[in-house]
Amino acid sequence: MINPAINQALAAEYRGRGLWGDASLHDYWRLTVRSAPAREAVIDARGNRWTYAQVEARAAALAGHLRRAGVGAGDAVTVQLPNWAEFLVVDVACLKLGAVVNPALPQHRWTELTHRIDTCGSTALVMPDRFRSMDYGDLAARLADRPSTLRAVLVVENEGPADGRFTSFRQAIGHQPLPAEEWAPGRGSDVAAVLFTSGSEAKAKGVMLSHDNVLSSERAFAYDLNIGHADRMFMPGPVGHATGFLHGVTMPYMVGATSVLLDVFSGAAARDMIESERCTCAMGTTTVIRELFDACDESGARLSCLRKLCSGGAPVPRSLLRRALSFGIRLHSIYGSTESAPHTLTRPSDPEERVVATDGRAVTGTDIKVVDPATRATLPPGREGEEASRGPAVFLGYLGQPGLTEKVLDQDGWYYSGDLGVLDESGYLRITGRIKDVIVRGGENISAIEVEEIMREHPDVYNVAVVAMPSRRLGETGCAYVVQPPGAPPLELAELRAFFNSRGVAKYKIPERIEIVDALPMTPTGKIRKAELRARVAARLAAEGELAEGELVGEGAAGA
């Protein structure tokens, strides 16, 4: 149970400091329900199309079911659902109860789910019965049978009746609604959500976000991008991740817009849903957007309804920004993290050169700076260092891990991201890499992102990931994992060296190994698994006799 202990401890420090007074996310939800009950709140690819009034009725009934099952204010509810409309219903039901929502990815299995349930002390679990090739019945049974805090398991049906052992979503929303006088929504400083994020630690960390945090981040996001009630937000990113949960589900209802959710991504499916639902806004990783554009090229679609396209999760390559402009679409870079979402973005009013060359300026209400990673002294414009942010969107801390919290959050409220960046004189930020994603070659630091951006300009490179590989002589050198377009001849090192030389790039930055692959390993949220690639090339070097088994030279080879 997250409340009351954690909320009481936090309240003394944060109560009264909320940017939005004591308002909660439930207050914003209710305002939209009252002002536009007949407006579509959520649409999914399974044919669900529910208005705000319909979601409200389902959520009130579900809240009644959860209350009778023993879920109360401050209890955590772990929600493992794909991008289905039911997620919004569960989320709103939690708001009515004052419960803390803990989104989880559909790909998570026993290890990840038990870690989340135990860390949060979850009293309820919401799962699909089936999704893609996975039948969740056995997993649900195992989780219910183990000793834990769980009191209820709710199964959302996709292909048929749910296992009779657990309550189905259809059964739950058929119950009597929780009366309004029994609602117990949280207030501004209360924990609203716990989102887990991976790092260099062995297990994912639970990021605690208060109502104030979420209201601050999403008001700024909508305000700076001019998103309002007339918009239809397309979201292919999983709602179990910060991007999908915050920008795809929460932000739309805060401004009275429509959330359009895609559960199984392909470029063609994204193209078709954007066009059929006349989506005006969309957000995805660079990989998602590249595949969307490829599908549009194949069919001749121009996405004429789309007025805002945003990309986050990784620095946006300049080549992709230029490609978006060829469609007449300005692609907005959104830079942030689960702990502070977002930090910066490019605005509609920004000049084109800023959009192409930077990750934007600080969002409204947030301060950013670049510091020396070792001393945390603020650096002048033009100097590369660690990016830090401060403002009402910065998280409360990692659940149950005060030591880790202290490492990244100082007493003045600055969150140190672990990302490298450069600020210019006008306050525009360009992210240049991760501190642990720097290749240290013979004492020279090489930004993997800089090398990747150059390589993406090569006509025989479709996608690329550059990682550190161990070297006895130099400590580390660069290895480029390359995905090539169909029919392209294999990229050779000699050709790559000539390409870099033609662009006047320092020779020490040129990768010293190329691995041609069919696809790059990705996380469920669309990020490249660079740790896996580093381990892969180290194992290959060992097998080739270039490196002793288990020998890793340099921190970059072992970093996350």
Protein backbone atom coordinates (compact mmCIF):
# COMPACT_ATOMS: atom_id res chain seq x y z
CA MET A 1 0.00 0.00 0.00
CA ILE A 2 1.51 3.34 -1.03
CA ASN A 3 -0.74 5.51 1.15
CA PRO A 4 -0.94 6.64 3.84
CA ALA A 5 2.70 6.32 4.94
CA ILE A 6 4.38 7.68 1.82
CA ASN A 7 1.77 10.36 1.19
CA GLN A 8 1.94 11.55 4.79
CA ALA A 9 5.72 11.79 4.60
CA LEU A 10 5.58 13.69 1.34
CA ALA A 11 2.68 15.92 2.33
CA ALA A 12 4.71 17.82 4.90
CA GLU A 13 7.16 18.92 2.23
CA TYR A 14 4.95 19.23 -0.84
CA ARG A 15 1.50 20.21 0.49
CA GLY A 16 0.68 23.73 -0.53
CA ARG A 17 3.44 23.86 -3.14
CA GLY A 18 1.37 22.32 -5.93
CA LEU A 19 1.27 24.49 -9.04
CA TRP A 20 -2.42 23.72 -9.48
CA GLY A 21 -3.49 24.14 -5.86
CA ASP A 22 -4.94 20.94 -4.50
CA ALA A 23 -6.54 19.75 -7.74
CA SER A 24 -6.39 16.11 -8.75
CA LEU A 25 -6.52 14.33 -12.06
CA HIS A 26 -10.05 13.26 -11.16
CA ASP A 27 -11.07 16.92 -11.00
CA TYR A 28 -9.87 17.40 -14.57
CA TRP A 29 -11.61 14.23 -15.72
CA ARG A 30 -14.91 15.34 -14.16
CA LEU A 31 -14.68 18.78 -15.76
CA THR A 32 -14.40 17.21 -19.18
CA VAL A 33 -17.26 14.77 -18.51
CA ARG A 34 -19.50 17.64 -17.49
CA SER A 35 -18.54 19.91 -20.38
CA ALA A 36 -18.55 17.35 -23.22
CA PRO A 37 -20.24 14.08 -22.17
CA ALA A 38 -21.05 13.07 -25.76
CA ARG A 39 -17.55 13.66 -27.12
CA GLU A 40 -15.51 10.55 -27.95
CA ALA A 41 -13.01 9.95 -25.17
CA VAL A 42 -11.23 6.85 -26.44
CA ILE A 43 -11.09 4.70 -29.58
CA ASP A 44 -9.12 1.51 -30.05
CA ALA A 45 -8.30 -0.86 -32.92
CA ARG A 46 -10.71 -3.51 -31.59
CA GLY A 47 -13.74 -1.38 -32.44
CA ASN A 48 -14.34 0.21 -29.04
CA ARG A 49 -15.51 3.80 -29.38
CA TRP A 50 -16.63 5.29 -26.06
CA THR A 51 -17.77 8.78 -25.16
CA TYR A 52 -16.76 10.55 -21.97
CA ALA A 53 -20.16 9.72 -20.47
CA GLN A 54 -19.78 6.04 -21.38
CA VAL A 55 -16.29 5.82 -19.86
CA GLU A 56 -17.56 7.60 -16.74
CA ALA A 57 -20.40 5.11 -16.28
CA ARG A 58 -18.11 2.10 -16.76
CA ALA A 59 -15.47 3.55 -14.44
CA ALA A 60 -17.99 4.23 -11.65
CA ALA A 61 -19.23 0.63 -11.87
CA LEU A 62 -15.67 -0.74 -11.92
CA ALA A 63 -14.78 1.44 -8.91
CA GLY A 64 -17.71 -0.10 -7.06
CA HIS A 65 -16.48 -3.59 -7.87
CA LEU A 66 -12.91 -2.81 -6.78
CA ARG A 67 -14.10 -1.19 -3.56
CA ARG A 68 -16.13 -4.29 -2.69
CA ALA A 69 -13.03 -6.40 -3.44
CA GLY A 70 -11.11 -4.43 -0.83
CA VAL A 71 -9.27 -1.82 -2.92
CA GLY A 72 -9.14 1.52 -1.12
CA ALA A 73 -7.52 4.92 -1.23
CA GLY A 74 -3.75 4.71 -1.55
CA ASP A 75 -3.78 1.09 -2.72
CA ALA A 76 -1.88 0.32 -5.90
CA VAL A 77 -3.57 -1.34 -8.87
CA THR A 78 -1.21 -2.96 -11.37
CA VAL A 79 -2.68 -2.67 -14.87
CA GLN A 80 -1.16 -4.88 -17.56
CA LEU A 81 -3.18 -4.04 -20.65
CA PRO A 82 -2.39 -3.38 -24.29
CA ASN A 83 -3.56 -0.14 -25.90
CA TRP A 84 -7.23 -0.92 -25.34
CA ALA A 85 -10.03 1.45 -24.39
CA GLU A 86 -10.51 -0.48 -21.14
CA PHE A 87 -7.25 1.00 -19.83
CA LEU A 88 -8.87 4.43 -19.58
CA VAL A 89 -11.83 2.95 -17.70
CA VAL A 90 -9.52 1.27 -15.17
CA ASP A 91 -7.48 4.45 -14.82
CA VAL A 92 -10.56 6.58 -14.08
CA ALA A 93 -11.87 3.96 -11.64
CA CYS A 94 -8.56 4.25 -9.76
CA LEU A 95 -8.95 8.04 -9.68
CA LYS A 96 -12.39 7.69 -8.09
CA LEU A 97 -11.02 5.38 -5.42
CA GLY A 98 -7.91 7.43 -4.78
CA ALA A 99 -5.95 4.34 -5.79
CA VAL A 100 -2.51 4.50 -7.38
CA VAL A 101 -2.32 3.18 -10.93
CA ASN A 102 0.74 1.09 -11.80
CA PRO A 103 0.85 0.48 -15.57
CA ALA A 104 2.75 -2.57 -16.84
CA LEU A 105 3.64 -3.66 -20.36
CA PRO A 106 1.80 -6.58 -22.01
CA GLN A 107 5.19 -8.22 -22.63
CA HIS A 108 5.92 -8.48 -18.92
CA ARG A 109 5.89 -11.94 -17.43
CA TRP A 110 6.39 -13.51 -14.00
CA THR A 111 9.66 -11.81 -13.07
CA GLU A 112 8.63 -8.29 -14.05
CA LEU A 113 5.09 -8.53 -12.67
CA THR A 114 6.04 -9.97 -9.29
CA HIS A 115 8.64 -7.22 -8.91
CA ARG A 116 6.04 -4.54 -9.63
CA ILE A 117 3.31 -6.09 -7.47
CA ASP A 118 5.65 -6.60 -4.53
CA THR A 119 7.29 -3.17 -4.80
CA CYS A 120 3.93 -1.38 -4.94
CA GLY A 121 2.10 -3.73 -2.59
CA SER A 122 -0.62 -3.92 -5.25
CA THR A 123 -4.06 -5.02 -4.07
CA ALA A 124 -5.51 -5.56 -7.55
CA LEU A 125 -4.21 -6.78 -10.91
CA VAL A 126 -5.83 -6.15 -14.29
CA MET A 127 -4.76 -8.35 -17.23
CA PRO A 128 -6.00 -9.34 -20.69
CA ASP A 129 -7.20 -12.88 -21.27
CA ARG A 130 -5.28 -13.09 -24.54
CA PHE A 131 -3.13 -10.74 -26.56
CA ARG A 132 -1.23 -11.64 -29.68
CA SER A 133 0.00 -15.20 -29.11
CA MET A 134 -0.08 -15.00 -25.31
CA ASP A 135 -2.73 -16.66 -23.15
CA TYR A 136 -2.49 -14.97 -19.74
CA GLY A 137 -4.62 -17.50 -17.85
CA ASP A 138 -1.79 -19.54 -16.36
CA LEU A 139 0.18 -16.43 -15.47
CA ALA A 140 -2.85 -14.89 -13.74
CA ALA A 141 -3.41 -18.10 -11.75
CA ARG A 142 0.23 -18.27 -10.63
CA LEU A 143 0.18 -14.64 -9.55
CA ALA A 144 -3.09 -15.08 -7.66
CA ASP A 145 -1.85 -18.22 -5.87
CA ARG A 146 1.44 -16.79 -4.58
CA PRO A 147 1.53 -15.06 -1.18
CA SER A 148 1.08 -11.35 -1.89
CA THR A 149 -1.08 -8.32 -1.18
CA LEU A 150 -3.38 -9.06 -4.13
CA ARG A 151 -7.08 -9.15 -3.31
CA ALA A 152 -8.58 -9.04 -6.78
CA VAL A 153 -7.68 -10.11 -10.33
CA LEU A 154 -9.68 -8.59 -13.18
CA VAL A 155 -9.47 -10.08 -16.68
CA VAL A 156 -10.28 -7.97 -19.73
CA GLU A 157 -11.72 -10.14 -22.48
CA ASN A 158 -10.35 -10.02 -25.99
CA GLU A 159 -11.32 -13.29 -27.68
CA GLY A 160 -13.97 -14.82 -25.48
CA PRO A 161 -15.30 -15.31 -21.92
CA ALA A 162 -12.70 -14.92 -19.22
CA ASP A 163 -11.67 -17.77 -16.93
CA GLY A 164 -14.45 -18.16 -14.39
CA ARG A 165 -11.94 -18.08 -11.56
CA PHE A 166 -11.45 -14.35 -12.01
CA THR A 167 -13.85 -11.45 -12.49
CA SER A 168 -14.19 -10.39 -16.09
CA PHE A 169 -14.32 -6.76 -17.17
CA ARG A 170 -17.86 -7.27 -18.46
CA GLN A 171 -18.96 -8.63 -15.10
CA ALA A 172 -17.27 -5.82 -13.18
CA ILE A 173 -18.89 -2.98 -15.14
CA GLY A 174 -22.28 -4.63 -14.65
CA HIS A 175 -22.11 -4.01 -10.91
CA GLN A 176 -23.65 -1.10 -9.03
CA PRO A 177 -21.60 2.08 -9.48
CA LEU A 178 -19.70 3.54 -6.57
CA PRO A 179 -21.85 6.44 -5.28
CA ALA A 180 -20.33 9.87 -5.70
CA GLU A 181 -20.38 10.44 -1.95
CA GLU A 182 -18.01 7.47 -1.58
CA TRP A 183 -15.44 8.71 -4.07
CA ALA A 184 -12.07 9.38 -2.43
CA PRO A 185 -9.91 11.01 -5.12
CA GLY A 186 -6.42 12.03 -4.16
CA ARG A 187 -5.17 15.59 -3.91
CA GLY A 188 -2.31 17.45 -5.54
CA SER A 189 0.62 16.03 -3.55
CA ASP A 190 -0.72 12.46 -3.36
CA VAL A 191 0.90 9.75 -5.43
CA ALA A 192 -1.21 9.22 -8.57
CA ALA A 193 0.90 6.69 -10.46
CA VAL A 194 3.99 4.53 -10.18
CA LEU A 195 5.72 3.94 -13.51
CA PHE A 196 8.68 1.61 -13.69
CA THR A 197 11.76 2.53 -15.67
CA SER A 198 14.92 0.55 -16.35
CA GLY A 199 18.45 1.75 -15.89
CA SER A 200 21.84 0.32 -15.05
CA GLU A 201 20.42 -1.26 -11.89
CA ALA A 202 19.51 -4.95 -11.80
CA LYS A 203 15.79 -4.26 -11.43
CA ALA A 204 13.49 -1.55 -12.73
CA LYS A 205 12.82 1.43 -10.46
CA GLY A 206 9.32 2.58 -9.48
CA VAL A 207 8.95 6.28 -10.33
CA MET A 208 6.38 7.97 -8.06
CA LEU A 209 4.39 10.70 -9.77
CA SER A 210 1.96 12.88 -7.85
CA HIS A 211 -1.19 14.46 -9.27
CA ASP A 212 0.76 17.74 -9.33
CA ASN A 213 3.57 16.11 -11.32
CA VAL A 214 1.23 14.73 -13.98
CA LEU A 215 -0.92 17.86 -14.20
CA SER A 216 2.19 20.00 -14.59
CA SER A 217 3.79 17.86 -17.30
CA GLU A 218 0.64 17.43 -19.38
CA ARG A 219 -0.61 21.00 -19.09
CA ALA A 220 2.80 22.18 -20.30
CA PHE A 221 2.85 19.56 -23.09
CA ALA A 222 -0.59 20.59 -24.37
CA TYR A 223 0.01 24.31 -23.95
CA ASP A 224 3.39 24.44 -25.69
CA LEU A 225 2.13 22.33 -28.63
CA ASN A 226 -1.27 24.03 -28.81
CA ILE A 227 -3.28 20.82 -28.31
CA GLY A 228 -6.92 21.23 -27.31
CA HIS A 229 -10.38 19.69 -27.21
CA ALA A 230 -10.71 19.49 -31.00
CA ASP A 231 -7.67 17.24 -31.34
CA ARG A 232 -7.53 13.48 -31.80
CA MET A 233 -4.32 12.04 -30.36
CA PHE A 234 -2.99 8.89 -32.04
CA MET A 235 -0.87 6.78 -29.72
CA PRO A 236 0.90 3.56 -30.82
CA GLY A 237 3.27 3.63 -27.85
CA PRO A 238 2.24 1.28 -25.02
CA VAL A 239 0.06 2.74 -22.28
CA GLY A 240 2.22 0.75 -19.85
CA HIS A 241 5.02 3.21 -20.57
CA ALA A 242 5.27 6.89 -19.62
CA THR A 243 4.76 8.16 -23.19
CA GLY A 244 1.54 6.23 -23.76
CA PHE A 245 0.16 6.72 -20.25
CA LEU A 246 0.92 10.44 -19.98
CA HIS A 247 0.65 11.81 -23.51
CA GLY A 248 -1.65 9.19 -25.06
CA VAL A 249 -4.25 8.71 -22.31
CA THR A 250 -3.97 11.37 -19.60
CA MET A 251 -3.25 14.52 -21.59
CA PRO A 252 -6.20 14.01 -23.99
CA TYR A 253 -8.83 13.85 -21.23
CA MET A 254 -7.24 16.80 -19.40
CA VAL A 255 -7.94 19.00 -22.43
CA GLY A 256 -11.11 17.21 -23.58
CA ALA A 257 -9.54 15.63 -26.66
CA THR A 258 -9.92 12.08 -28.04
CA SER A 259 -7.42 9.30 -27.42
CA VAL A 260 -6.92 6.95 -30.40
CA LEU A 261 -5.01 3.80 -29.38
CA LEU A 262 -3.27 1.23 -31.58
CA ASP A 263 -2.40 -2.06 -29.87
CA VAL A 264 -0.40 -3.92 -32.55
CA PHE A 265 1.86 -1.61 -34.49
CA SER A 266 2.81 -1.71 -38.12
CA GLY A 267 3.47 1.22 -40.39
CA ALA A 268 0.44 0.34 -42.49
CA ALA A 269 -1.84 -0.05 -39.45
CA ALA A 270 -0.70 3.32 -38.09
CA ARG A 271 -1.21 5.01 -41.46
CA ASP A 272 -4.69 3.56 -41.87
CA MET A 273 -5.84 4.43 -38.35
CA ILE A 274 -4.53 7.98 -38.55
CA GLU A 275 -6.39 8.52 -41.80
CA SER A 276 -9.63 6.71 -40.93
CA GLU A 277 -9.93 8.42 -37.53
CA ARG A 278 -8.71 11.78 -38.88
CA CYS A 279 -6.10 12.05 -36.16
CA THR A 280 -4.62 15.51 -35.78
CA CYS A 281 -1.76 14.62 -33.41
CA ALA A 282 0.49 11.60 -33.06
CA MET A 283 3.57 10.56 -31.13
CA GLY A 284 6.03 7.72 -31.50
CA THR A 285 9.66 6.69 -31.41
CA THR A 286 11.91 7.36 -34.37
CA THR A 287 11.50 3.73 -35.48
CA VAL A 288 7.70 4.01 -35.39
CA ILE A 289 7.72 7.24 -37.38
CA ARG A 290 10.15 5.88 -39.96
CA GLU A 291 7.91 2.84 -40.56
CA LEU A 292 4.85 5.10 -40.78
CA PHE A 293 6.53 7.18 -43.48
CA ASP A 294 7.62 4.04 -45.33
CA ALA A 295 4.00 2.82 -45.38
CA CYS A 296 2.84 6.20 -46.65
CA ASP A 297 5.41 6.12 -49.45
CA GLU A 298 4.17 2.68 -50.47
CA SER A 299 0.54 3.78 -50.72
CA GLY A 300 0.93 7.41 -51.65
CA ALA A 301 -0.80 8.58 -48.45
CA ARG A 302 0.09 12.11 -47.32
CA LEU A 303 -1.43 12.20 -43.79
CA SER A 304 -3.20 15.45 -44.60
CA CYS A 305 -5.19 15.39 -41.33
CA LEU A 306 -2.06 15.31 -39.17
CA ARG A 307 -0.95 18.69 -37.85
CA LYS A 308 1.31 17.59 -34.98
CA LEU A 309 3.77 14.70 -35.05
CA CYS A 310 5.99 14.24 -32.01
CA SER A 311 8.91 11.93 -31.33
CA GLY A 312 10.45 11.02 -28.00
CA GLY A 313 12.42 8.26 -26.33
CA ALA A 314 15.64 8.96 -28.26
CA PRO A 315 17.23 11.91 -30.05
CA VAL A 316 15.53 12.50 -33.39
CA PRO A 317 17.84 12.13 -36.41
CA ARG A 318 18.00 15.20 -38.64
CA SER A 319 17.27 13.00 -41.65
CA LEU A 320 13.90 12.02 -40.14
CA LEU A 321 13.02 15.64 -39.40
CA ARG A 322 13.74 16.53 -43.03
CA ARG A 323 11.69 13.56 -44.22
CA ALA A 324 8.72 14.77 -42.18
CA LEU A 325 9.02 18.18 -43.79
CA SER A 326 8.73 16.48 -47.20
CA PHE A 327 5.23 15.41 -46.08
CA GLY A 328 4.46 18.96 -45.04
CA ILE A 329 4.60 17.89 -41.37
CA ARG A 330 6.74 19.47 -38.70
CA LEU A 331 8.14 16.75 -36.48
CA HIS A 332 8.48 17.96 -32.90
CA SER A 333 11.30 16.60 -30.77
CA ILE A 334 10.12 15.79 -27.25
CA TYR A 335 12.93 15.20 -24.79
CA GLY A 336 12.26 13.94 -21.30
CA SER A 337 12.15 10.94 -19.02
CA THR A 338 9.72 9.07 -16.80
CA GLU A 339 11.12 11.03 -13.86
CA SER A 340 10.51 14.40 -15.53
CA ALA A 341 8.32 14.36 -18.62
CA PRO A 342 9.02 16.35 -20.69
CA HIS A 343 12.10 18.56 -20.22
CA THR A 344 12.25 20.26 -23.62
CA LEU A 345 10.38 20.31 -26.92
CA THR A 346 10.33 22.18 -30.19
CA ARG A 347 7.34 24.49 -30.53
CA PRO A 348 5.23 25.38 -33.57
CA SER A 349 6.72 28.89 -33.47
CA ASP A 350 10.34 27.73 -33.52
CA PRO A 351 12.29 28.50 -36.70
CA GLU A 352 12.94 25.51 -38.93
CA GLU A 353 16.68 25.45 -38.26
CA ARG A 354 15.98 25.06 -34.54
CA VAL A 355 13.58 22.20 -35.22
CA VAL A 356 16.14 20.41 -37.36
CA ALA A 357 19.19 21.04 -35.20
CA THR A 358 17.96 20.94 -31.57
CA ASP A 359 15.65 19.16 -29.12
CA GLY A 360 13.93 22.44 -28.30
CA ARG A 361 13.65 24.70 -25.30
CA ALA A 362 12.51 23.99 -21.75
CA VAL A 363 8.77 23.36 -21.47
CA THR A 364 6.66 25.89 -19.63
CA GLY A 365 7.27 25.71 -15.88
CA THR A 366 10.54 23.76 -16.14
CA ASP A 367 14.12 24.98 -15.76
CA ILE A 368 17.01 23.16 -17.41
CA LYS A 369 20.77 23.42 -17.19
CA VAL A 370 23.89 21.55 -18.30
CA VAL A 371 26.40 20.64 -15.61
CA ASP A 372 29.76 19.01 -15.21
CA PRO A 373 28.91 15.31 -14.58
CA ALA A 374 31.55 15.02 -11.86
CA THR A 375 31.07 18.27 -9.90
CA ARG A 376 27.54 19.28 -11.02
CA ALA A 377 28.81 22.82 -11.55
CA THR A 378 26.77 24.67 -14.19
CA LEU A 379 28.52 24.87 -17.55
CA PRO A 380 28.39 27.83 -19.96
CA PRO A 381 26.52 27.64 -23.30
CA GLY A 382 28.26 25.50 -25.89
CA ARG A 383 29.87 23.12 -23.40
CA GLU A 384 28.77 19.48 -23.31
CA GLY A 385 27.69 18.10 -19.95
CA GLU A 386 24.90 16.35 -18.07
CA GLU A 387 21.40 17.75 -18.55
CA ALA A 388 19.36 18.51 -15.43
CA SER A 389 15.81 19.77 -14.96
CA ARG A 390 13.78 21.31 -12.15
CA GLY A 391 10.10 22.09 -11.88
CA PRO A 392 6.70 20.83 -10.73
CA ALA A 393 6.82 17.86 -13.13
CA VAL A 394 9.91 16.35 -11.49
CA PHE A 395 9.03 13.09 -9.74
CA LEU A 396 8.74 12.54 -6.00
CA GLY A 397 11.29 9.73 -5.84
CA TYR A 398 11.85 6.03 -6.49
CA LEU A 399 9.44 3.90 -4.47
CA GLY A 400 11.27 2.22 -1.60
CA GLN A 401 14.71 3.31 -2.88
CA PRO A 402 15.74 6.56 -1.15
CA GLY A 403 19.41 5.91 -1.90
CA LEU A 404 18.82 5.82 -5.64
CA THR A 405 16.59 8.89 -5.36
CA GLU A 406 19.38 10.87 -3.66
CA LYS A 407 21.76 10.02 -6.50
CA VAL A 408 19.64 11.79 -9.12
CA LEU A 409 17.54 14.32 -7.16
CA ASP A 410 19.29 17.01 -5.13
CA GLN A 411 17.97 19.10 -2.24
CA ASP A 412 17.18 22.00 -4.55
CA GLY A 413 14.87 19.85 -6.68
CA TRP A 414 17.20 19.34 -9.66
CA TYR A 415 16.87 15.98 -11.41
CA TYR A 416 20.10 14.81 -13.07
CA SER A 417 19.17 12.83 -16.16
CA GLY A 418 22.35 10.97 -17.04
CA ASP A 419 22.02 12.39 -20.57
CA LEU A 420 24.71 14.46 -22.24
CA GLY A 421 23.70 17.65 -23.98
CA VAL A 422 24.70 21.13 -25.09
CA LEU A 423 22.72 24.33 -24.45
CA ASP A 424 23.12 27.27 -26.80
CA GLU A 425 22.93 30.96 -25.95
CA SER A 426 19.17 31.03 -26.68
CA GLY A 427 18.35 28.12 -24.38
CA TYR A 428 17.93 25.44 -27.05
CA LEU A 429 19.16 21.99 -26.06
CA ARG A 430 20.71 19.31 -28.21
CA ILE A 431 21.05 15.88 -26.60
CA THR A 432 24.35 14.32 -27.62
CA GLY A 433 24.24 10.97 -25.84
CA ARG A 434 24.09 9.10 -22.56
CA ILE A 435 26.95 9.38 -20.09
CA LYS A 436 27.25 5.61 -20.37
CA ASP A 437 26.76 5.74 -24.14
CA VAL A 438 30.03 7.55 -24.77
CA ILE A 439 32.79 5.59 -26.48
CA VAL A 440 36.15 6.38 -24.88
CA ARG A 441 38.70 5.61 -27.58
CA GLY A 442 42.28 6.09 -26.43
CA GLY A 443 41.21 8.90 -24.10
CA GLU A 444 39.00 10.63 -26.71
CA ASN A 445 35.25 10.75 -26.03
CA ILE A 446 33.03 9.87 -28.98
CA SER A 447 29.28 10.49 -28.98
CA ALA A 448 27.53 7.41 -30.34
CA ILE A 449 24.56 9.58 -31.37
CA GLU A 450 26.77 11.91 -33.42
CA VAL A 451 28.24 8.94 -35.30
CA GLU A 452 24.78 7.44 -35.86
CA GLU A 453 23.45 10.70 -37.31
CA ILE A 454 26.29 10.82 -39.82
CA MET A 455 25.80 7.19 -40.79
CA ARG A 456 22.06 7.67 -41.39
CA GLU A 457 22.96 10.08 -44.19
CA HIS A 458 24.54 7.18 -46.11
CA PRO A 459 22.17 5.85 -48.80
CA ASP A 460 22.90 2.21 -47.87
CA VAL A 461 22.01 2.70 -44.17
CA TYR A 462 18.37 2.39 -43.12
CA ASN A 463 18.95 2.27 -39.37
CA VAL A 464 22.03 2.05 -37.20
CA ALA A 465 23.17 1.66 -33.60
CA VAL A 466 26.75 2.47 -32.63
CA VAL A 467 28.13 0.94 -29.44
CA ALA A 468 31.45 0.62 -27.66
CA MET A 469 33.40 -2.57 -28.20
CA PRO A 470 36.39 -3.53 -26.07
CA SER A 471 39.89 -2.99 -27.39
CA ARG A 472 43.14 -4.05 -25.70
CA ARG A 473 45.06 -1.22 -27.37
CA LEU A 474 42.60 1.69 -27.15
CA GLY A 475 40.22 0.66 -24.36
CA GLU A 476 37.16 1.03 -26.59
CA THR A 477 36.37 1.53 -30.24
CA GLY A 478 33.10 1.89 -32.14
CA CYS A 479 31.05 -0.94 -33.62
CA ALA A 480 28.17 -0.05 -35.95
CA TYR A 481 25.19 -2.40 -36.19
CA VAL A 482 23.58 -1.54 -39.52
CA VAL A 483 20.18 -2.34 -40.98
CA GLN A 484 20.29 -1.78 -44.74
CA PRO A 485 17.47 -0.98 -47.15
CA PRO A 486 16.33 -3.85 -49.42
CA GLY A 487 18.73 -4.53 -52.28
CA ALA A 488 21.58 -2.44 -50.91
CA PRO A 489 25.10 -3.90 -51.29
CA PRO A 490 26.81 -4.84 -48.00
CA LEU A 491 28.40 -1.77 -46.46
CA GLU A 492 32.17 -2.14 -46.21
CA LEU A 493 34.51 -0.39 -43.77
CA ALA A 494 36.55 1.18 -46.55
CA GLU A 495 33.43 2.77 -48.02
CA LEU A 496 32.33 3.98 -44.58
CA ARG A 497 35.73 5.58 -43.96
CA ALA A 498 35.53 7.38 -47.30
CA PHE A 499 32.01 8.58 -46.47
CA PHE A 500 33.13 10.04 -43.11
CA ASN A 501 36.21 11.59 -44.67
CA SER A 502 34.05 13.28 -47.32
CA ARG A 503 32.17 15.01 -44.52
CA GLY A 504 35.28 16.22 -42.76
CA VAL A 505 34.74 14.13 -39.61
CA ALA A 506 37.68 13.34 -37.33
CA LYS A 507 39.03 9.90 -38.17
CA TYR A 508 38.95 8.66 -34.57
CA LYS A 509 35.13 8.85 -34.68
CA ILE A 510 34.80 6.37 -37.56
CA PRO A 511 33.52 2.94 -36.40
CA GLU A 512 36.11 0.20 -36.68
CA ARG A 513 33.67 -2.63 -37.17
CA ILE A 514 30.39 -3.07 -39.06
CA GLU A 515 27.82 -5.74 -38.26
CA ILE A 516 25.03 -6.07 -40.85
CA VAL A 517 21.79 -7.19 -39.17
CA ASP A 518 18.19 -7.67 -40.29
CA ALA A 519 16.84 -5.72 -37.32
CA LEU A 520 18.06 -4.01 -34.17
CA PRO A 521 16.98 -5.47 -30.82
CA MET A 522 14.33 -3.19 -29.33
CA THR A 523 12.65 -2.74 -25.97
CA PRO A 524 8.83 -2.92 -25.90
CA THR A 525 8.83 0.89 -25.89
CA GLY A 526 10.88 1.17 -29.08
CA LYS A 527 14.34 1.88 -27.68
CA ILE A 528 17.39 0.06 -29.00
CA ARG A 529 18.86 -2.46 -26.57
CA LYS A 530 22.42 -1.18 -26.70
CA ALA A 531 23.54 -3.25 -23.72
CA GLU A 532 22.63 -6.36 -25.70
CA LEU A 533 24.61 -5.13 -28.70
CA ARG A 534 27.65 -4.38 -26.55
CA ALA A 535 27.52 -7.86 -25.07
CA ARG A 536 27.05 -9.37 -28.53
CA VAL A 537 30.12 -7.74 -30.05
CA ALA A 538 32.23 -8.56 -26.99
CA ALA A 539 31.23 -12.23 -27.32
CA ARG A 540 32.03 -12.13 -31.05
CA LEU A 541 35.49 -10.70 -30.36
CA ALA A 542 36.13 -13.39 -27.77
CA ALA A 543 35.10 -16.10 -30.23
CA GLU A 544 37.42 -14.64 -32.84
CA GLY A 545 40.32 -14.62 -30.41
CA GLU A 546 40.52 -10.84 -30.30
CA LEU A 547 39.46 -10.78 -26.66
CA ALA A 548 39.75 -13.26 -23.81
CA GLU A 549 36.46 -14.80 -22.69
CA GLY A 550 34.77 -12.39 -20.28
CA GLU A 551 37.36 -9.65 -20.82
CA LEU A 552 35.75 -6.22 -21.04
CA VAL A 553 38.03 -3.24 -21.37
CA GLY A 554 36.59 0.16 -20.48
CA GLU A 555 33.41 1.17 -18.68
CA GLY A 556 31.45 1.78 -21.86
CA ALA A 557 31.54 -1.90 -22.76
CA ALA A 558 29.92 -2.91 -19.51
CA GLY A 559 27.52 -0.01 -19.02
CA ALA A 560 23.79 -0.28 -19.41
